[in-house]
């Protein structure tokens, strides 16, 4: 039985005898089940490992990338989308420095959109959860690496955003193209039109 997350939304207006009332209405989304959490953890581990190999990161270098993963059950209303498998949300966190001073650091949340991922898996029987999540995490972590290293600003739009997305899809392909994971080639092929050019495997 698939778990369903119920979210109350407000702001629906209706007119009755000339009066306007505001009513809460319910939207339901498919959400990850408890047994999906192990797959999510495994996918994140694989993505971190492959990105570390690609960029030659040491364990110390990894520490500067501050991020966490949220699933639908813990997303705020403004973190739910209908057009992407994940949303990258940036915030600032206060941390204590060695000199007891408080410093602010950028922190990122990878907000998984359970409902869109699970709907895609239901629509396409060739998709499986682990390789899809590996692709999603790798893609979002490449963004984080680029933001933290000032290769790109987080706040971009228009053509610059499109170019950034194409470059990140290309980098994700380079990182994952030789991974020995069942159905990964199917995922990579599905995203080939998002890359700026065809790349030799």
C-alpha atoms as a PDB file:
ATOM      1  CA  UNK A   1       0.000   0.000   0.000  1.00  0.00           C
ATOM      2  CA  UNK A   2       1.497   3.333  -1.041  1.00  0.00           C
ATOM      3  CA  UNK A   3       1.691   5.944   1.678  1.00  0.00           C
ATOM      4  CA  UNK A   4      -0.220   9.139   0.911  1.00  0.00           C
ATOM      5  CA  UNK A   5       0.649  12.507   2.389  1.00  0.00           C
ATOM      6  CA  UNK A   6      -2.242  14.855   2.990  1.00  0.00           C
ATOM      7  CA  UNK A   7      -1.553  18.584   2.920  1.00  0.00           C
ATOM      8  CA  UNK A   8      -4.018  21.247   3.952  1.00  0.00           C
ATOM      9  CA  UNK A   9      -4.040  24.274   1.689  1.00  0.00           C
ATOM     10  CA  UNK A  10      -5.924  27.485   2.294  1.00  0.00           C
ATOM     11  CA  UNK A  11      -7.065  30.176  -0.069  1.00  0.00           C
ATOM     12  CA  UNK A  12      -9.934  28.565  -1.964  1.00  0.00           C
ATOM     13  CA  UNK A  13     -12.772  31.048  -2.214  1.00  0.00           C
ATOM     14  CA  UNK A  14     -16.344  30.331  -3.159  1.00  0.00           C
ATOM     15  CA  UNK A  15     -19.408  32.545  -3.385  1.00  0.00           C
ATOM     16  CA  UNK A  16     -22.711  31.687  -1.754  1.00  0.00           C
ATOM     17  CA  UNK A  17     -25.651  34.099  -1.770  1.00  0.00           C
ATOM     18  CA  UNK A  18     -23.331  37.030  -2.434  1.00  0.00           C
ATOM     19  CA  UNK A  19     -20.910  36.276   0.425  1.00  0.00           C
ATOM     20  CA  UNK A  20     -17.294  35.150   0.025  1.00  0.00           C
ATOM     21  CA  UNK A  21     -15.977  32.399   2.268  1.00  0.00           C
ATOM     22  CA  UNK A  22     -12.492  30.998   2.605  1.00  0.00           C
ATOM     23  CA  UNK A  23     -12.200  27.249   2.878  1.00  0.00           C
ATOM     24  CA  UNK A  24      -9.351  24.817   3.470  1.00  0.00           C
ATOM     25  CA  UNK A  25      -9.074  22.113   0.870  1.00  0.00           C
ATOM     26  CA  UNK A  26      -7.016  18.953   0.860  1.00  0.00           C
ATOM     27  CA  UNK A  27      -4.397  17.930  -1.671  1.00  0.00           C
ATOM     28  CA  UNK A  28      -2.962  14.427  -1.496  1.00  0.00           C
ATOM     29  CA  UNK A  29       0.429  13.409  -2.803  1.00  0.00           C
ATOM     30  CA  UNK A  30       2.130  10.042  -3.002  1.00  0.00           C
ATOM     31  CA  UNK A  31       4.983  10.000  -0.493  1.00  0.00           C
ATOM     32  CA  UNK A  32       7.950   7.732   0.082  1.00  0.00           C
ATOM     33  CA  UNK A  33       7.323   4.728   2.304  1.00  0.00           C
ATOM     34  CA  UNK A  34       9.564   3.942   5.251  1.00  0.00           C
ATOM     35  CA  UNK A  35      11.349   1.220   3.286  1.00  0.00           C
ATOM     36  CA  UNK A  36      12.367   3.813   0.656  1.00  0.00           C
ATOM     37  CA  UNK A  37      14.614   5.570   3.202  1.00  0.00           C
ATOM     38  CA  UNK A  38      17.376   2.960   2.808  1.00  0.00           C
ATOM     39  CA  UNK A  39      17.316   3.481  -0.972  1.00  0.00           C
ATOM     40  CA  UNK A  40      17.505   7.260  -0.486  1.00  0.00           C
ATOM     41  CA  UNK A  41      20.515   6.855   1.836  1.00  0.00           C
ATOM     42  CA  UNK A  42      22.232   4.450  -0.568  1.00  0.00           C
ATOM     43  CA  UNK A  43      21.672   6.788  -3.524  1.00  0.00           C
ATOM     44  CA  UNK A  44      23.101   9.762  -1.613  1.00  0.00           C
ATOM     45  CA  UNK A  45      26.150   7.720  -0.588  1.00  0.00           C
ATOM     46  CA  UNK A  46      26.788   6.671  -4.213  1.00  0.00           C
ATOM     47  CA  UNK A  47      26.363  10.241  -5.484  1.00  0.00           C
ATOM     48  CA  UNK A  48      28.733  11.661  -2.847  1.00  0.00           C
ATOM     49  CA  UNK A  49      31.296   8.960  -3.590  1.00  0.00           C
ATOM     50  CA  UNK A  50      31.216   9.511  -7.364  1.00  0.00           C
ATOM     51  CA  UNK A  51      31.363  13.300  -7.026  1.00  0.00           C
ATOM     52  CA  UNK A  52      34.281  12.980  -4.599  1.00  0.00           C
ATOM     53  CA  UNK A  53      36.131  10.859  -7.161  1.00  0.00           C
ATOM     54  CA  UNK A  54      35.342  13.271  -9.995  1.00  0.00           C
ATOM     55  CA  UNK A  55      36.437  16.436  -8.180  1.00  0.00           C
ATOM     56  CA  UNK A  56      39.211  14.684  -6.187  1.00  0.00           C
ATOM     57  CA  UNK A  57      37.723  15.848  -2.884  1.00  0.00           C
ATOM     58  CA  UNK A  58      39.310  14.944   0.418  1.00  0.00           C
ATOM     59  CA  UNK A  59      37.111  14.334   3.463  1.00  0.00           C
ATOM     60  CA  UNK A  60      38.098  17.800   4.714  1.00  0.00           C
ATOM     61  CA  UNK A  61      36.994  19.423   1.456  1.00  0.00           C
ATOM     62  CA  UNK A  62      33.590  17.717   1.716  1.00  0.00           C
ATOM     63  CA  UNK A  63      32.985  19.453   5.068  1.00  0.00           C
ATOM     64  CA  UNK A  64      32.624  22.869   3.471  1.00  0.00           C
ATOM     65  CA  UNK A  65      29.556  21.734   1.534  1.00  0.00           C
ATOM     66  CA  UNK A  66      26.712  22.112   4.013  1.00  0.00           C
ATOM     67  CA  UNK A  67      23.508  20.347   2.912  1.00  0.00           C
ATOM     68  CA  UNK A  68      20.765  17.991   3.977  1.00  0.00           C
ATOM     69  CA  UNK A  69      17.958  16.057   2.293  1.00  0.00           C
ATOM     70  CA  UNK A  70      14.248  16.564   2.901  1.00  0.00           C
ATOM     71  CA  UNK A  71      11.417  14.360   1.664  1.00  0.00           C
ATOM     72  CA  UNK A  72       7.832  15.439   1.071  1.00  0.00           C
ATOM     73  CA  UNK A  73       6.777  14.734   4.661  1.00  0.00           C
ATOM     74  CA  UNK A  74       9.099  17.483   5.934  1.00  0.00           C
ATOM     75  CA  UNK A  75       8.776  20.043   3.122  1.00  0.00           C
ATOM     76  CA  UNK A  76       7.260  23.464   3.671  1.00  0.00           C
ATOM     77  CA  UNK A  77       4.513  24.479   1.260  1.00  0.00           C
ATOM     78  CA  UNK A  78       6.889  26.732  -0.702  1.00  0.00           C
ATOM     79  CA  UNK A  79       9.306  23.804  -1.165  1.00  0.00           C
ATOM     80  CA  UNK A  80       6.779  21.688  -3.074  1.00  0.00           C
ATOM     81  CA  UNK A  81       6.870  21.947  -6.843  1.00  0.00           C
ATOM     82  CA  UNK A  82       5.158  20.348  -9.808  1.00  0.00           C
ATOM     83  CA  UNK A  83       7.979  20.618 -12.369  1.00  0.00           C
ATOM     84  CA  UNK A  84      11.120  18.970 -10.952  1.00  0.00           C
ATOM     85  CA  UNK A  85      12.141  15.805  -9.103  1.00  0.00           C
ATOM     86  CA  UNK A  86      14.027  17.928  -6.575  1.00  0.00           C
ATOM     87  CA  UNK A  87      14.198  21.543  -5.521  1.00  0.00           C
ATOM     88  CA  UNK A  88      17.381  23.078  -4.144  1.00  0.00           C
ATOM     89  CA  UNK A  89      16.672  25.510  -1.329  1.00  0.00           C
ATOM     90  CA  UNK A  90      19.348  27.807   0.099  1.00  0.00           C
ATOM     91  CA  UNK A  91      19.321  29.263   3.597  1.00  0.00           C
ATOM     92  CA  UNK A  92      21.836  30.682   6.060  1.00  0.00           C
ATOM     93  CA  UNK A  93      22.825  29.043   9.320  1.00  0.00           C
ATOM     94  CA  UNK A  94      24.750  30.508  12.230  1.00  0.00           C
ATOM     95  CA  UNK A  95      27.804  28.514  13.336  1.00  0.00           C
ATOM     96  CA  UNK A  96      30.219  29.042  16.207  1.00  0.00           C
ATOM     97  CA  UNK A  97      33.777  29.792  15.140  1.00  0.00           C
ATOM     98  CA  UNK A  98      36.969  28.820  16.981  1.00  0.00           C
ATOM     99  CA  UNK A  99      37.153  32.345  18.414  1.00  0.00           C
ATOM    100  CA  UNK A 100      33.622  32.006  19.908  1.00  0.00           C
ATOM    101  CA  UNK A 101      32.239  34.385  17.295  1.00  0.00           C
ATOM    102  CA  UNK A 102      29.078  33.521  15.413  1.00  0.00           C
ATOM    103  CA  UNK A 103      29.484  33.156  11.669  1.00  0.00           C
ATOM    104  CA  UNK A 104      26.844  32.691   9.010  1.00  0.00           C
ATOM    105  CA  UNK A 105      27.243  29.968   6.406  1.00  0.00           C
ATOM    106  CA  UNK A 106      25.189  28.994   3.409  1.00  0.00           C
ATOM    107  CA  UNK A 107      23.240  25.776   3.888  1.00  0.00           C
ATOM    108  CA  UNK A 108      21.347  23.874   1.204  1.00  0.00           C
ATOM    109  CA  UNK A 109      18.367  21.555   1.358  1.00  0.00           C
ATOM    110  CA  UNK A 110      17.815  19.034  -1.417  1.00  0.00           C
ATOM    111  CA  UNK A 111      14.013  18.869  -1.349  1.00  0.00           C
ATOM    112  CA  UNK A 112      12.921  15.599  -2.938  1.00  0.00           C
ATOM    113  CA  UNK A 113       9.518  15.691  -4.613  1.00  0.00           C
ATOM    114  CA  UNK A 114       8.274  12.225  -3.658  1.00  0.00           C
ATOM    115  CA  UNK A 115       5.020  12.595  -5.570  1.00  0.00           C
ATOM    116  CA  UNK A 116       6.704  13.379  -8.901  1.00  0.00           C
ATOM    117  CA  UNK A 117       9.363  10.689  -8.503  1.00  0.00           C
ATOM    118  CA  UNK A 118       6.809   8.008  -7.580  1.00  0.00           C
ATOM    119  CA  UNK A 119       4.453   9.067 -10.363  1.00  0.00           C
ATOM    120  CA  UNK A 120       7.321   8.779 -12.875  1.00  0.00           C
ATOM    121  CA  UNK A 121       8.123   5.278 -11.601  1.00  0.00           C
ATOM    122  CA  UNK A 122       4.480   4.267 -12.045  1.00  0.00           C
ATOM    123  CA  UNK A 123       4.342   5.684 -15.584  1.00  0.00           C
ATOM    124  CA  UNK A 124       7.611   4.188 -16.836  1.00  0.00           C
ATOM    125  CA  UNK A 125       8.352   0.587 -15.876  1.00  0.00           C
ATOM    126  CA  UNK A 126      11.954   0.948 -17.111  1.00  0.00           C
ATOM    127  CA  UNK A 127      12.650   3.505 -14.372  1.00  0.00           C
ATOM    128  CA  UNK A 128      13.810   2.244 -10.986  1.00  0.00           C
ATOM    129  CA  UNK A 129      14.200   4.252  -7.804  1.00  0.00           C
ATOM    130  CA  UNK A 130      17.892   3.795  -6.985  1.00  0.00           C
ATOM    131  CA  UNK A 131      19.457   4.980 -10.279  1.00  0.00           C
ATOM    132  CA  UNK A 132      16.935   7.802 -10.585  1.00  0.00           C
ATOM    133  CA  UNK A 133      17.799   9.046  -7.090  1.00  0.00           C
ATOM    134  CA  UNK A 134      21.526   8.693  -7.811  1.00  0.00           C
ATOM    135  CA  UNK A 135      21.055  10.947 -10.850  1.00  0.00           C
ATOM    136  CA  UNK A 136      18.942  13.451  -8.890  1.00  0.00           C
ATOM    137  CA  UNK A 137      21.409  13.652  -5.989  1.00  0.00           C
ATOM    138  CA  UNK A 138      24.433  13.877  -8.277  1.00  0.00           C
ATOM    139  CA  UNK A 139      22.787  16.688 -10.233  1.00  0.00           C
ATOM    140  CA  UNK A 140      21.866  18.687  -7.123  1.00  0.00           C
ATOM    141  CA  UNK A 141      25.248  18.122  -5.464  1.00  0.00           C
ATOM    142  CA  UNK A 142      27.037  19.384  -8.581  1.00  0.00           C
ATOM    143  CA  UNK A 143      24.959  22.570  -8.246  1.00  0.00           C
ATOM    144  CA  UNK A 144      25.999  22.852  -4.596  1.00  0.00           C
ATOM    145  CA  UNK A 145      29.684  22.353  -5.453  1.00  0.00           C
ATOM    146  CA  UNK A 146      29.450  25.047  -8.108  1.00  0.00           C
ATOM    147  CA  UNK A 147      27.650  27.499  -5.795  1.00  0.00           C
ATOM    148  CA  UNK A 148      30.052  26.927  -2.899  1.00  0.00           C
ATOM    149  CA  UNK A 149      33.079  27.380  -5.175  1.00  0.00           C
ATOM    150  CA  UNK A 150      31.576  30.532  -6.732  1.00  0.00           C
ATOM    151  CA  UNK A 151      31.492  29.047 -10.227  1.00  0.00           C
ATOM    152  CA  UNK A 152      27.873  30.177 -10.388  1.00  0.00           C
ATOM    153  CA  UNK A 153      25.557  32.294  -8.237  1.00  0.00           C
ATOM    154  CA  UNK A 154      22.507  30.664  -6.701  1.00  0.00           C
ATOM    155  CA  UNK A 155      20.245  33.513  -7.811  1.00  0.00           C
ATOM    156  CA  UNK A 156      20.184  33.342 -11.600  1.00  0.00           C
ATOM    157  CA  UNK A 157      17.368  33.284 -14.121  1.00  0.00           C
ATOM    158  CA  UNK A 158      16.604  33.279 -17.815  1.00  0.00           C
ATOM    159  CA  UNK A 159      19.309  32.213 -20.252  1.00  0.00           C
ATOM    160  CA  UNK A 160      21.968  32.014 -17.535  1.00  0.00           C
ATOM    161  CA  UNK A 161      19.840  29.521 -15.599  1.00  0.00           C
ATOM    162  CA  UNK A 162      19.249  27.418 -18.726  1.00  0.00           C
ATOM    163  CA  UNK A 163      22.981  27.363 -19.480  1.00  0.00           C
ATOM    164  CA  UNK A 164      23.752  26.383 -15.896  1.00  0.00           C
ATOM    165  CA  UNK A 165      21.241  23.534 -16.003  1.00  0.00           C
ATOM    166  CA  UNK A 166      22.708  22.227 -19.276  1.00  0.00           C
ATOM    167  CA  UNK A 167      26.235  22.381 -17.879  1.00  0.00           C
ATOM    168  CA  UNK A 168      25.194  20.561 -14.687  1.00  0.00           C
ATOM    169  CA  UNK A 169      23.407  17.850 -16.699  1.00  0.00           C
ATOM    170  CA  UNK A 170      26.587  17.438 -18.762  1.00  0.00           C
ATOM    171  CA  UNK A 171      28.751  17.196 -15.632  1.00  0.00           C
ATOM    172  CA  UNK A 172      26.315  14.714 -14.088  1.00  0.00           C
ATOM    173  CA  UNK A 173      26.600  12.588 -17.228  1.00  0.00           C
ATOM    174  CA  UNK A 174      30.418  12.661 -17.057  1.00  0.00           C
ATOM    175  CA  UNK A 175      30.329  11.581 -13.403  1.00  0.00           C
ATOM    176  CA  UNK A 176      27.855   8.724 -13.900  1.00  0.00           C
ATOM    177  CA  UNK A 177      28.534   7.477 -17.429  1.00  0.00           C
ATOM    178  CA  UNK A 178      30.707   4.552 -16.324  1.00  0.00           C
ATOM    179  CA  UNK A 179      28.861   3.616 -13.146  1.00  0.00           C
ATOM    180  CA  UNK A 180      27.946  -0.066 -12.846  1.00  0.00           C
ATOM    181  CA  UNK A 181      24.353   0.376 -11.764  1.00  0.00           C
ATOM    182  CA  UNK A 182      21.418  -1.369 -13.396  1.00  0.00           C
ATOM    183  CA  UNK A 183      19.211   0.954 -15.490  1.00  0.00           C
ATOM    184  CA  UNK A 184      21.558   3.932 -15.104  1.00  0.00           C
ATOM    185  CA  UNK A 185      22.152   4.064 -18.867  1.00  0.00           C
ATOM    186  CA  UNK A 186      18.396   4.371 -19.330  1.00  0.00           C
ATOM    187  CA  UNK A 187      18.346   7.373 -16.965  1.00  0.00           C
ATOM    188  CA  UNK A 188      21.320   8.998 -18.680  1.00  0.00           C
ATOM    189  CA  UNK A 189      19.731   8.489 -22.082  1.00  0.00           C
ATOM    190  CA  UNK A 190      16.502  10.055 -20.827  1.00  0.00           C
ATOM    191  CA  UNK A 191      18.380  13.257 -19.987  1.00  0.00           C
ATOM    192  CA  UNK A 192      20.504  13.437 -23.137  1.00  0.00           C
ATOM    193  CA  UNK A 193      18.466  16.321 -24.593  1.00  0.00           C
ATOM    194  CA  UNK A 194      19.153  18.404 -21.484  1.00  0.00           C
ATOM    195  CA  UNK A 195      22.881  18.422 -22.172  1.00  0.00           C
ATOM    196  CA  UNK A 196      24.351  21.075 -24.506  1.00  0.00           C
ATOM    197  CA  UNK A 197      25.782  18.473 -26.872  1.00  0.00           C
ATOM    198  CA  UNK A 198      26.083  14.764 -27.366  1.00  0.00           C
ATOM    199  CA  UNK A 199      29.056  13.372 -25.491  1.00  0.00           C
ATOM    200  CA  UNK A 200      31.022  10.248 -26.311  1.00  0.00           C
ATOM    201  CA  UNK A 201      30.496   7.519 -23.727  1.00  0.00           C
END
